[in-house]
C-alpha atoms as a PDB file:
ATOM      1  CA  MET A   1      70.086  91.429  62.546  1.00  0.00           C
ATOM      2  CA  ARG A   2      71.544  87.935  62.460  1.00  0.00           C
ATOM      3  CA  TYR A   3      68.951  85.291  61.667  1.00  0.00           C
ATOM      4  CA  ILE A   4      69.231  82.207  63.842  1.00  0.00           C
ATOM      5  CA  GLU A   5      69.613  79.866  60.870  1.00  0.00           C
ATOM      6  CA  THR A   6      72.846  81.684  59.863  1.00  0.00           C
ATOM      7  CA  LEU A   7      74.635  81.345  63.214  1.00  0.00           C
ATOM      8  CA  HIS A   8      77.761  79.204  63.535  1.00  0.00           C
ATOM      9  CA  GLU A   9      79.803  77.906  66.447  1.00  0.00           C
ATOM     10  CA  GLY A  10      82.487  80.263  67.689  1.00  0.00           C
ATOM     11  CA  GLU A  11      80.860  83.492  66.525  1.00  0.00           C
ATOM     12  CA  ASN A  12      80.384  86.482  68.791  1.00  0.00           C
ATOM     13  CA  ILE A  13      77.069  88.137  68.010  1.00  0.00           C
ATOM     14  CA  ARG A  14      74.973  91.129  68.977  1.00  0.00           C
ATOM     15  CA  SER A  15      71.388  91.004  67.723  1.00  0.00           C
ATOM     16  CA  ILE A  16      67.729  91.418  68.674  1.00  0.00           C
ATOM     17  CA  TYR A  17      65.523  88.363  69.170  1.00  0.00           C
ATOM     18  CA  LEU A  18      62.098  87.591  70.580  1.00  0.00           C
ATOM     19  CA  CYS A  19      62.286  85.886  73.967  1.00  0.00           C
ATOM     20  CA  LYS A  20      60.026  82.850  73.582  1.00  0.00           C
ATOM     21  CA  GLN A  21      60.647  81.496  77.083  1.00  0.00           C
ATOM     22  CA  LYS A  22      62.736  82.262  80.170  1.00  0.00           C
ATOM     23  CA  ASN A  23      63.109  80.425  83.463  1.00  0.00           C
ATOM     24  CA  SER A  24      65.611  80.086  86.274  1.00  0.00           C
ATOM     25  CA  ALA A  25      67.496  76.890  87.067  1.00  0.00           C
ATOM     26  CA  LEU A  26      70.355  75.636  89.226  1.00  0.00           C
ATOM     27  CA  THR A  27      73.641  74.030  88.227  1.00  0.00           C
ATOM     28  CA  LYS A  28      74.746  70.823  89.943  1.00  0.00           C
ATOM     29  CA  SER A  29      76.760  72.970  92.345  1.00  0.00           C
ATOM     30  CA  GLY A  30      73.668  75.019  93.253  1.00  0.00           C
ATOM     31  CA  LYS A  31      74.526  78.138  91.254  1.00  0.00           C
ATOM     32  CA  GLU A  32      71.591  79.975  89.663  1.00  0.00           C
ATOM     33  CA  TYR A  33      71.410  80.557  85.910  1.00  0.00           C
ATOM     34  CA  ASP A  34      68.680  81.372  83.351  1.00  0.00           C
ATOM     35  CA  ASN A  35      67.426  79.172  80.534  1.00  0.00           C
ATOM     36  CA  VAL A  36      66.244  81.300  77.611  1.00  0.00           C
ATOM     37  CA  ILE A  37      64.686  80.350  74.273  1.00  0.00           C
ATOM     38  CA  LEU A  38      65.147  83.018  71.609  1.00  0.00           C
ATOM     39  CA  GLN A  39      63.195  83.128  68.368  1.00  0.00           C
ATOM     40  CA  ASP A  40      63.118  84.727  64.960  1.00  0.00           C
ATOM     41  CA  LYS A  41      61.270  83.749  61.797  1.00  0.00           C
ATOM     42  CA  THR A  42      64.002  81.235  60.871  1.00  0.00           C
ATOM     43  CA  GLY A  43      63.862  79.206  64.057  1.00  0.00           C
ATOM     44  CA  GLN A  44      64.577  79.031  67.781  1.00  0.00           C
ATOM     45  CA  LEU A  45      67.832  79.196  69.739  1.00  0.00           C
ATOM     46  CA  ASP A  46      68.582  77.760  73.161  1.00  0.00           C
ATOM     47  CA  ALA A  47      70.482  80.315  75.258  1.00  0.00           C
ATOM     48  CA  LYS A  48      71.960  80.500  78.752  1.00  0.00           C
ATOM     49  CA  ILE A  49      72.662  83.402  81.085  1.00  0.00           C
ATOM     50  CA  TRP A  50      75.261  81.993  83.443  1.00  0.00           C
ATOM     51  CA  GLU A  51      75.515  85.220  85.500  1.00  0.00           C
ATOM     52  CA  PRO A  52      71.891  86.508  85.635  1.00  0.00           C
ATOM     53  CA  ASN A  53      72.626  89.135  88.285  1.00  0.00           C
ATOM     54  CA  SER A  54      75.711  90.583  86.649  1.00  0.00           C
ATOM     55  CA  PHE A  55      76.115  94.094  85.250  1.00  0.00           C
ATOM     56  CA  GLY A  56      74.766  94.351  81.711  1.00  0.00           C
ATOM     57  CA  ILE A  57      71.946  91.839  82.134  1.00  0.00           C
ATOM     58  CA  GLU A  58      68.699  93.833  82.181  1.00  0.00           C
ATOM     59  CA  ASP A  59      65.457  92.297  83.401  1.00  0.00           C
ATOM     60  CA  PHE A  60      63.262  90.842  80.635  1.00  0.00           C
ATOM     61  CA  GLY A  61      60.706  88.099  80.262  1.00  0.00           C
ATOM     62  CA  ALA A  62      58.814  85.929  77.813  1.00  0.00           C
ATOM     63  CA  LEU A  63      57.488  87.762  74.720  1.00  0.00           C
ATOM     64  CA  ASP A  64      59.895  90.677  75.199  1.00  0.00           C
ATOM     65  CA  TYR A  65      62.192  91.683  72.358  1.00  0.00           C
ATOM     66  CA  VAL A  66      65.758  91.582  73.639  1.00  0.00           C
ATOM     67  CA  GLU A  67      69.115  92.707  72.272  1.00  0.00           C
ATOM     68  CA  VAL A  68      71.617  90.053  73.334  1.00  0.00           C
ATOM     69  CA  THR A  69      75.390  89.914  73.099  1.00  0.00           C
ATOM     70  CA  GLY A  70      77.190  86.619  73.456  1.00  0.00           C
ATOM     71  CA  LYS A  71      79.103  83.715  71.959  1.00  0.00           C
ATOM     72  CA  VAL A  72      77.643  80.890  69.873  1.00  0.00           C
ATOM     73  CA  THR A  73      78.614  77.443  71.154  1.00  0.00           C
ATOM     74  CA  THR A  74      77.352  73.905  70.557  1.00  0.00           C
ATOM     75  CA  PHE A  75      75.808  71.435  72.982  1.00  0.00           C
ATOM     76  CA  ASN A  76      74.669  67.909  72.045  1.00  0.00           C
ATOM     77  CA  GLY A  77      75.070  68.761  68.384  1.00  0.00           C
ATOM     78  CA  SER A  78      72.906  71.910  68.458  1.00  0.00           C
ATOM     79  CA  ILE A  79      74.002  75.528  68.559  1.00  0.00           C
ATOM     80  CA  GLN A  80      73.535  77.441  71.787  1.00  0.00           C
ATOM     81  CA  LEU A  81      74.141  81.031  72.828  1.00  0.00           C
ATOM     82  CA  SER A  82      75.970  82.040  75.990  1.00  0.00           C
ATOM     83  CA  ILE A  83      74.565  85.500  76.779  1.00  0.00           C
ATOM     84  CA  ASP A  84      76.955  88.073  78.262  1.00  0.00           C
ATOM     85  CA  ARG A  85      74.733  91.157  77.943  1.00  0.00           C
ATOM     86  CA  ALA A  86      70.980  91.604  77.460  1.00  0.00           C
ATOM     87  CA  ARG A  87      68.826  94.691  76.967  1.00  0.00           C
ATOM     88  CA  LYS A  88      65.041  94.861  76.678  1.00  0.00           C
ATOM     89  CA  CYS A  89      64.115  96.701  73.464  1.00  0.00           C
ATOM     90  CA  SER A  90      61.467  99.348  72.896  1.00  0.00           C
ATOM     91  CA  GLU A  91      58.911  99.528  70.080  1.00  0.00           C
ATOM     92  CA  GLY A  92      60.477 100.862  66.916  1.00  0.00           C
ATOM     93  CA  GLU A  93      63.739  98.981  67.396  1.00  0.00           C
ATOM     94  CA  TYR A  94      62.459  95.835  65.710  1.00  0.00           C
ATOM     95  CA  ASN A  95      60.118  94.641  62.982  1.00  0.00           C
ATOM     96  CA  GLU A  96      57.765  91.896  64.219  1.00  0.00           C
ATOM     97  CA  SER A  97      57.727  90.232  60.800  1.00  0.00           C
ATOM     98  CA  ASP A  98      61.389  89.271  61.338  1.00  0.00           C
ATOM     99  CA  TYR A  99      60.547  87.239  64.417  1.00  0.00           C
ATOM    100  CA  LEU A 100      57.359  85.314  63.699  1.00  0.00           C
ATOM    101  CA  PRO A 101      57.805  82.180  61.563  1.00  0.00           C
ATOM    102  CA  VAL A 102      55.445  82.089  58.601  1.00  0.00           C
ATOM    103  CA  SER A 103      54.747  79.648  55.789  1.00  0.00           C
ATOM    104  CA  ARG A 104      56.989  79.889  52.730  1.00  0.00           C
ATOM    105  CA  ARG A 105      53.824  79.806  50.637  1.00  0.00           C
ATOM    106  CA  ASP A 106      51.370  82.659  50.147  1.00  0.00           C
ATOM    107  CA  ILE A 107      48.501  82.155  52.588  1.00  0.00           C
ATOM    108  CA  GLU A 108      45.772  83.507  50.314  1.00  0.00           C
ATOM    109  CA  GLU A 109      46.976  81.352  47.402  1.00  0.00           C
ATOM    110  CA  MET A 110      46.877  78.262  49.621  1.00  0.00           C
ATOM    111  CA  TYR A 111      43.385  79.103  50.815  1.00  0.00           C
ATOM    112  CA  ALA A 112      42.181  79.566  47.237  1.00  0.00           C
ATOM    113  CA  GLU A 113      43.659  76.149  46.389  1.00  0.00           C
ATOM    114  CA  LEU A 114      41.845  74.602  49.348  1.00  0.00           C
ATOM    115  CA  MET A 115      38.593  76.153  48.107  1.00  0.00           C
ATOM    116  CA  GLY A 116      39.097  74.265  44.868  1.00  0.00           C
ATOM    117  CA  TYR A 117      38.803  71.025  46.820  1.00  0.00           C
ATOM    118  CA  VAL A 118      35.703  72.324  48.608  1.00  0.00           C
ATOM    119  CA  ASN A 119      34.092  72.744  45.204  1.00  0.00           C
ATOM    120  CA  MET A 120      34.917  69.119  44.338  1.00  0.00           C
ATOM    121  CA  ILE A 121      32.524  67.891  47.025  1.00  0.00           C
ATOM    122  CA  LYS A 122      29.360  66.890  45.169  1.00  0.00           C
ATOM    123  CA  ASN A 123      27.122  65.769  48.042  1.00  0.00           C
ATOM    124  CA  PRO A 124      25.055  68.896  48.836  1.00  0.00           C
ATOM    125  CA  GLN A 125      24.876  68.219  52.579  1.00  0.00           C
ATOM    126  CA  ILE A 126      28.607  67.644  52.987  1.00  0.00           C
ATOM    127  CA  ASN A 127      29.407  70.571  50.709  1.00  0.00           C
ATOM    128  CA  ALA A 128      27.165  72.876  52.754  1.00  0.00           C
ATOM    129  CA  LEU A 129      28.756  71.685  56.023  1.00  0.00           C
ATOM    130  CA  VAL A 130      32.273  72.364  54.756  1.00  0.00           C
ATOM    131  CA  LYS A 131      31.242  75.792  53.452  1.00  0.00           C
ATOM    132  CA  ALA A 132      29.651  76.602  56.837  1.00  0.00           C
ATOM    133  CA  PHE A 133      33.235  76.682  58.162  1.00  0.00           C
ATOM    134  CA  PHE A 134      35.492  77.592  55.261  1.00  0.00           C
ATOM    135  CA  VAL A 135      33.261  80.056  53.381  1.00  0.00           C
ATOM    136  CA  GLU A 136      30.676  81.477  55.781  1.00  0.00           C
ATOM    137  CA  ASP A 137      32.423  81.647  59.192  1.00  0.00           C
ATOM    138  CA  ALA A 138      34.665  84.738  59.070  1.00  0.00           C
ATOM    139  CA  ASP A 139      36.095  84.237  62.586  1.00  0.00           C
ATOM    140  CA  PHE A 140      36.983  80.623  61.820  1.00  0.00           C
ATOM    141  CA  ILE A 141      38.619  81.562  58.511  1.00  0.00           C
ATOM    142  CA  THR A 142      40.750  84.279  60.132  1.00  0.00           C
ATOM    143  CA  ALA A 143      41.953  81.956  62.899  1.00  0.00           C
ATOM    144  CA  PHE A 144      42.508  79.061  60.488  1.00  0.00           C
ATOM    145  CA  LYS A 145      44.783  81.146  58.258  1.00  0.00           C
ATOM    146  CA  LYS A 146      46.856  82.416  61.203  1.00  0.00           C
ATOM    147  CA  SER A 147      47.200  79.186  63.197  1.00  0.00           C
ATOM    148  CA  SER A 148      50.082  76.743  63.310  1.00  0.00           C
ATOM    149  CA  ALA A 149      49.662  72.988  63.115  1.00  0.00           C
ATOM    150  CA  ALA A 150      51.974  72.257  66.048  1.00  0.00           C
ATOM    151  CA  LYS A 151      54.030  73.859  68.770  1.00  0.00           C
ATOM    152  CA  SER A 152      57.305  72.662  67.259  1.00  0.00           C
ATOM    153  CA  VAL A 153      57.170  69.222  65.613  1.00  0.00           C
ATOM    154  CA  HIS A 154      55.896  70.108  62.119  1.00  0.00           C
ATOM    155  CA  HIS A 155      54.234  73.100  60.446  1.00  0.00           C
ATOM    156  CA  GLY A 156      54.888  75.152  63.610  1.00  0.00           C
ATOM    157  CA  PHE A 157      54.470  78.526  61.929  1.00  0.00           C
ATOM    158  CA  ILE A 158      51.817  81.053  60.892  1.00  0.00           C
ATOM    159  CA  GLY A 159      49.841  79.437  58.096  1.00  0.00           C
ATOM    160  CA  GLY A 160      51.083  76.005  59.168  1.00  0.00           C
ATOM    161  CA  LEU A 161      47.601  74.654  59.883  1.00  0.00           C
ATOM    162  CA  LEU A 162      46.404  75.765  56.445  1.00  0.00           C
ATOM    163  CA  GLU A 163      49.510  74.373  54.702  1.00  0.00           C
ATOM    164  CA  HIS A 164      49.211  71.017  56.485  1.00  0.00           C
ATOM    165  CA  THR A 165      45.448  70.781  55.870  1.00  0.00           C
ATOM    166  CA  LEU A 166      45.952  71.526  52.185  1.00  0.00           C
ATOM    167  CA  GLY A 167      48.703  68.901  51.947  1.00  0.00           C
ATOM    168  CA  VAL A 168      46.530  66.254  53.622  1.00  0.00           C
ATOM    169  CA  THR A 169      43.523  67.167  51.452  1.00  0.00           C
ATOM    170  CA  LYS A 170      45.582  66.871  48.255  1.00  0.00           C
ATOM    171  CA  LEU A 171      46.809  63.429  49.302  1.00  0.00           C
ATOM    172  CA  CYS A 172      43.276  62.329  50.173  1.00  0.00           C
ATOM    173  CA  ALA A 173      42.014  63.501  46.776  1.00  0.00           C
ATOM    174  CA  PHE A 174      44.739  61.395  45.145  1.00  0.00           C
ATOM    175  CA  PHE A 175      43.839  58.383  47.292  1.00  0.00           C
ATOM    176  CA  ALA A 176      40.145  58.733  46.399  1.00  0.00           C
ATOM    177  CA  ASP A 177      40.925  58.882  42.679  1.00  0.00           C
ATOM    178  CA  THR A 178      43.275  55.890  42.965  1.00  0.00           C
ATOM    179  CA  TYR A 179      41.022  53.716  45.142  1.00  0.00           C
ATOM    180  CA  PRO A 180      37.381  54.048  43.986  1.00  0.00           C
ATOM    181  CA  MET A 181      36.047  52.272  47.096  1.00  0.00           C
ATOM    182  CA  LEU A 182      36.781  55.439  49.082  1.00  0.00           C
ATOM    183  CA  LYS A 183      33.892  57.869  49.529  1.00  0.00           C
ATOM    184  CA  LYS A 184      35.583  60.956  48.131  1.00  0.00           C
ATOM    185  CA  ASP A 185      33.183  63.550  49.586  1.00  0.00           C
ATOM    186  CA  THR A 186      33.444  62.110  53.102  1.00  0.00           C
ATOM    187  CA  LEU A 187      37.219  61.810  52.832  1.00  0.00           C
ATOM    188  CA  LEU A 188      37.770  65.361  51.527  1.00  0.00           C
ATOM    189  CA  ALA A 189      35.541  66.860  54.225  1.00  0.00           C
ATOM    190  CA  SER A 190      37.304  64.823  56.912  1.00  0.00           C
ATOM    191  CA  ALA A 191      40.699  65.958  55.621  1.00  0.00           C
ATOM    192  CA  MET A 192      39.652  69.616  55.871  1.00  0.00           C
ATOM    193  CA  PHE A 193      38.151  69.106  59.331  1.00  0.00           C
ATOM    194  CA  HIS A 194      40.739  66.751  60.841  1.00  0.00           C
ATOM    195  CA  ASP A 195      42.893  69.380  62.616  1.00  0.00           C
ATOM    196  CA  MET A 196      40.501  72.337  62.788  1.00  0.00           C
ATOM    197  CA  GLY A 197      40.365  72.029  66.584  1.00  0.00           C
ATOM    198  CA  LYS A 198      43.948  73.319  66.626  1.00  0.00           C
ATOM    199  CA  ILE A 199      42.655  76.876  66.264  1.00  0.00           C
ATOM    200  CA  LYS A 200      41.550  76.384  69.886  1.00  0.00           C
ATOM    201  CA  GLU A 201      44.306  74.006  70.993  1.00  0.00           C
ATOM    202  CA  PHE A 202      47.088  76.550  70.376  1.00  0.00           C
ATOM    203  CA  SER A 203      47.256  80.263  71.061  1.00  0.00           C
ATOM    204  CA  LEU A 204      48.227  82.461  68.129  1.00  0.00           C
ATOM    205  CA  PHE A 205      51.775  83.724  67.638  1.00  0.00           C
ATOM    206  CA  PRO A 206      53.927  84.945  69.231  1.00  0.00           C
ATOM    207  CA  GLN A 207      52.850  82.605  72.050  1.00  0.00           C
ATOM    208  CA  ASN A 208      51.922  79.557  69.912  1.00  0.00           C
ATOM    209  CA  ASP A 209      51.489  77.502  73.065  1.00  0.00           C
ATOM    210  CA  TYR A 210      48.860  75.109  74.391  1.00  0.00           C
ATOM    211  CA  THR A 211      45.709  76.744  75.729  1.00  0.00           C
ATOM    212  CA  ASP A 212      44.077  75.360  78.869  1.00  0.00           C
ATOM    213  CA  ASP A 213      41.464  73.546  76.757  1.00  0.00           C
ATOM    214  CA  GLY A 214      44.240  72.384  74.463  1.00  0.00           C
ATOM    215  CA  GLN A 215      45.910  70.694  77.415  1.00  0.00           C
ATOM    216  CA  LEU A 216      42.694  69.343  78.921  1.00  0.00           C
ATOM    217  CA  LEU A 217      40.743  68.321  75.813  1.00  0.00           C
ATOM    218  CA  GLY A 218      42.975  68.293  72.734  1.00  0.00           C
ATOM    219  CA  HIS A 219      42.248  69.280  69.152  1.00  0.00           C
ATOM    220  CA  MET A 220      40.324  66.136  68.181  1.00  0.00           C
ATOM    221  CA  VAL A 221      37.721  66.522  70.939  1.00  0.00           C
ATOM    222  CA  MET A 222      37.429  70.256  70.284  1.00  0.00           C
ATOM    223  CA  GLY A 223      37.098  69.582  66.561  1.00  0.00           C
ATOM    224  CA  ILE A 224      34.155  67.274  67.263  1.00  0.00           C
ATOM    225  CA  GLU A 225      32.580  69.984  69.444  1.00  0.00           C
ATOM    226  CA  MET A 226      32.986  72.535  66.639  1.00  0.00           C
ATOM    227  CA  LEU A 227      31.450  70.114  64.142  1.00  0.00           C
ATOM    228  CA  ASP A 228      28.486  69.355  66.415  1.00  0.00           C
ATOM    229  CA  GLU A 229      27.834  73.077  66.844  1.00  0.00           C
ATOM    230  CA  LYS A 230      27.570  73.532  63.071  1.00  0.00           C
ATOM    231  CA  LEU A 231      25.540  70.353  62.620  1.00  0.00           C
ATOM    232  CA  ARG A 232      22.837  71.752  64.908  1.00  0.00           C
ATOM    233  CA  GLY A 233      22.059  74.166  62.084  1.00  0.00           C
ATOM    234  CA  PHE A 234      21.325  71.266  59.687  1.00  0.00           C
ATOM    235  CA  SER A 235      17.921  69.695  60.299  1.00  0.00           C
ATOM    236  CA  ASP A 236      18.331  66.830  57.820  1.00  0.00           C
ATOM    237  CA  PHE A 237      22.048  66.001  57.839  1.00  0.00           C
ATOM    238  CA  SER A 238      22.613  62.234  57.632  1.00  0.00           C
ATOM    239  CA  PRO A 239      23.490  60.918  61.129  1.00  0.00           C
ATOM    240  CA  ALA A 240      25.493  58.067  59.571  1.00  0.00           C
ATOM    241  CA  VAL A 241      27.635  60.402  57.455  1.00  0.00           C
ATOM    242  CA  ALA A 242      28.141  62.738  60.429  1.00  0.00           C
ATOM    243  CA  SER A 243      29.369  59.812  62.534  1.00  0.00           C
ATOM    244  CA  GLU A 244      31.749  58.670  59.796  1.00  0.00           C
ATOM    245  CA  ILE A 245      33.281  62.155  59.501  1.00  0.00           C
ATOM    246  CA  LYS A 246      33.605  62.377  63.284  1.00  0.00           C
ATOM    247  CA  HIS A 247      35.251  58.945  63.324  1.00  0.00           C
ATOM    248  CA  CYS A 248      37.825  60.151  60.807  1.00  0.00           C
ATOM    249  CA  ILE A 249      38.654  63.124  63.033  1.00  0.00           C
ATOM    250  CA  LEU A 250      38.958  60.948  66.141  1.00  0.00           C
ATOM    251  CA  SER A 251      41.068  58.252  64.484  1.00  0.00           C
ATOM    252  CA  HIS A 252      43.432  60.226  62.254  1.00  0.00           C
ATOM    253  CA  HIS A 253      46.416  59.707  64.584  1.00  0.00           C
ATOM    254  CA  GLY A 254      46.032  56.001  63.894  1.00  0.00           C
ATOM    255  CA  GLU A 255      47.164  54.442  67.172  1.00  0.00           C
ATOM    256  CA  TYR A 256      46.158  54.868  70.815  1.00  0.00           C
ATOM    257  CA  GLU A 257      49.780  55.551  71.826  1.00  0.00           C
ATOM    258  CA  PHE A 258      49.815  58.516  69.430  1.00  0.00           C
ATOM    259  CA  GLY A 259      46.757  60.079  71.057  1.00  0.00           C
ATOM    260  CA  ALA A 260      43.992  58.638  68.892  1.00  0.00           C
ATOM    261  CA  PRO A 261      40.775  58.114  70.891  1.00  0.00           C
ATOM    262  CA  LYS A 262      39.789  55.527  68.257  1.00  0.00           C
ATOM    263  CA  LYS A 263      41.745  53.471  65.737  1.00  0.00           C
ATOM    264  CA  PRO A 264      40.604  53.777  62.100  1.00  0.00           C
ATOM    265  CA  ALA A 265      37.614  51.517  61.457  1.00  0.00           C
ATOM    266  CA  THR A 266      36.622  52.778  57.992  1.00  0.00           C
ATOM    267  CA  ALA A 267      38.506  52.969  54.697  1.00  0.00           C
ATOM    268  CA  GLU A 268      38.248  56.765  54.820  1.00  0.00           C
ATOM    269  CA  GLY A 269      39.605  56.846  58.367  1.00  0.00           C
ATOM    270  CA  LEU A 270      42.593  54.741  57.363  1.00  0.00           C
ATOM    271  CA  ALA A 271      43.266  56.835  54.253  1.00  0.00           C
ATOM    272  CA  LEU A 272      43.123  60.047  56.277  1.00  0.00           C
ATOM    273  CA  HIS A 273      45.535  58.616  58.841  1.00  0.00           C
ATOM    274  CA  PHE A 274      48.048  57.715  56.120  1.00  0.00           C
ATOM    275  CA  ALA A 275      47.726  61.164  54.502  1.00  0.00           C
ATOM    276  CA  ASP A 276      48.134  62.986  57.819  1.00  0.00           C
ATOM    277  CA  ASN A 277      51.118  60.861  58.805  1.00  0.00           C
ATOM    278  CA  MET A 278      52.833  61.302  55.437  1.00  0.00           C
ATOM    279  CA  ASP A 279      52.390  65.077  55.265  1.00  0.00           C
ATOM    280  CA  ALA A 280      53.603  65.547  58.859  1.00  0.00           C
ATOM    281  CA  LYS A 281      56.691  63.363  58.359  1.00  0.00           C
ATOM    282  CA  MET A 282      57.645  64.901  55.005  1.00  0.00           C
ATOM    283  CA  GLU A 283      57.453  68.385  56.540  1.00  0.00           C
ATOM    284  CA  THR A 284      59.538  67.181  59.497  1.00  0.00           C
ATOM    285  CA  LEU A 285      62.198  65.997  57.050  1.00  0.00           C
ATOM    286  CA  ARG A 286      62.083  69.266  55.084  1.00  0.00           C
ATOM    287  CA  GLU A 287      62.596  71.306  58.240  1.00  0.00           C
ATOM    288  CA  MET A 288      65.385  68.964  59.364  1.00  0.00           C
ATOM    289  CA  PHE A 289      67.229  69.232  56.038  1.00  0.00           C
ATOM    290  CA  GLU A 290      66.858  73.010  55.857  1.00  0.00           C
ATOM    291  CA  SER A 291      68.145  73.586  59.397  1.00  0.00           C
ATOM    292  CA  ALA A 292      71.161  71.269  59.043  1.00  0.00           C
ATOM    293  CA  ASP A 293      74.600  72.027  57.632  1.00  0.00           C
ATOM    294  CA  MET A 294      74.348  71.419  53.879  1.00  0.00           C
ATOM    295  CA  THR A 295      77.670  69.518  53.957  1.00  0.00           C
ATOM    296  CA  ARG A 296      76.236  66.907  56.330  1.00  0.00           C
ATOM    297  CA  GLU A 297      74.847  63.713  54.814  1.00  0.00           C
ATOM    298  CA  TRP A 298      73.679  62.134  58.066  1.00  0.00           C
ATOM    299  CA  MET A 299      71.245  64.218  60.084  1.00  0.00           C
ATOM    300  CA  GLY A 300      71.416  62.177  63.279  1.00  0.00           C
ATOM    301  CA  TYR A 301      68.765  60.226  65.156  1.00  0.00           C
ATOM    302  CA  SER A 302      65.222  61.578  64.982  1.00  0.00           C
ATOM    303  CA  LYS A 303      62.965  60.707  67.925  1.00  0.00           C
ATOM    304  CA  LEU A 304      59.858  61.362  65.834  1.00  0.00           C
ATOM    305  CA  LEU A 305      60.988  59.180  62.930  1.00  0.00           C
ATOM    306  CA  GLU A 306      62.840  56.699  65.173  1.00  0.00           C
ATOM    307  CA  THR A 307      65.793  56.411  62.813  1.00  0.00           C
ATOM    308  CA  ASN A 308      69.036  58.077  61.774  1.00  0.00           C
ATOM    309  CA  ILE A 309      68.230  60.185  58.702  1.00  0.00           C
ATOM    310  CA  LYS A 310      70.538  60.513  55.669  1.00  0.00           C
ATOM    311  CA  ARG A 311      70.278  63.173  52.999  1.00  0.00           C
ATOM    312  CA  SER A 312      69.911  61.371  49.654  1.00  0.00           C
ATOM    313  CA  THR A 313      72.724  61.568  47.104  1.00  0.00           C
ATOM    314  CA  GLU A 314      72.226  63.863  44.121  1.00  0.00           C
ATOM    315  CA  VAL A 315      73.239  62.494  40.702  1.00  0.00           C
END
């Protein structure tokens, strides 16, 4: 097969991909065509079927594996595939592991590293609360390891939620050691909890799309609900500490325009926001650099980063 990240303008290809999305549209002249998003473990590819009713275009839909034949073009600086032929594939013609994006890091190694930070939490109540999720809840652990941290913006792959949570937790541990005023136990627990609602916000791969509750409630609200459910099993957990952890979850996006129900009002909330923002943006840059032509210095304007990004010079 030809991985999406290896495709170049002008090539004629024939390969199997997972159909992530398919819908019909009309050109300005009223002619029907199909918009298709194809996927493999290296990324996604925008594709068009300009003659959807022509010979050689078999019927297929989202989450089908499809053998496509066509020419690679570019549109607005991104590669695109013009599909001439399409055939729905049967089981045995493809290996699912080639089509589902997964973390570059070993998932079990990352989880073991995260457990090291769990063991750093000295307060027995906070330690027990964290372990109620990350040690004792088998269903939560399974979902947490498999979930992504986003649909597409950053860490949008299997193990992405774990990788992002570990990155944020490591930064928060550094912040706590650098700035002694921070309550390390509260901050570490908040870092581990901050995005846990995403196991309910997004469906697992291959869909990796917003659930109904994800659209209606969002991961911060669902994270608070998950935390409250566990807290009901603790008869003597400090209400003040519980509120401070919840505040960190609700404020980690930092600003109302970025979806935060509350702006950070504690030192731990502010530190978590900075850690979350840094890890997300650094991963966005990594993915941008890896997907771009290595000969390009300037990556182009990034809506997320609100600037034109340049690859730094090596000396």
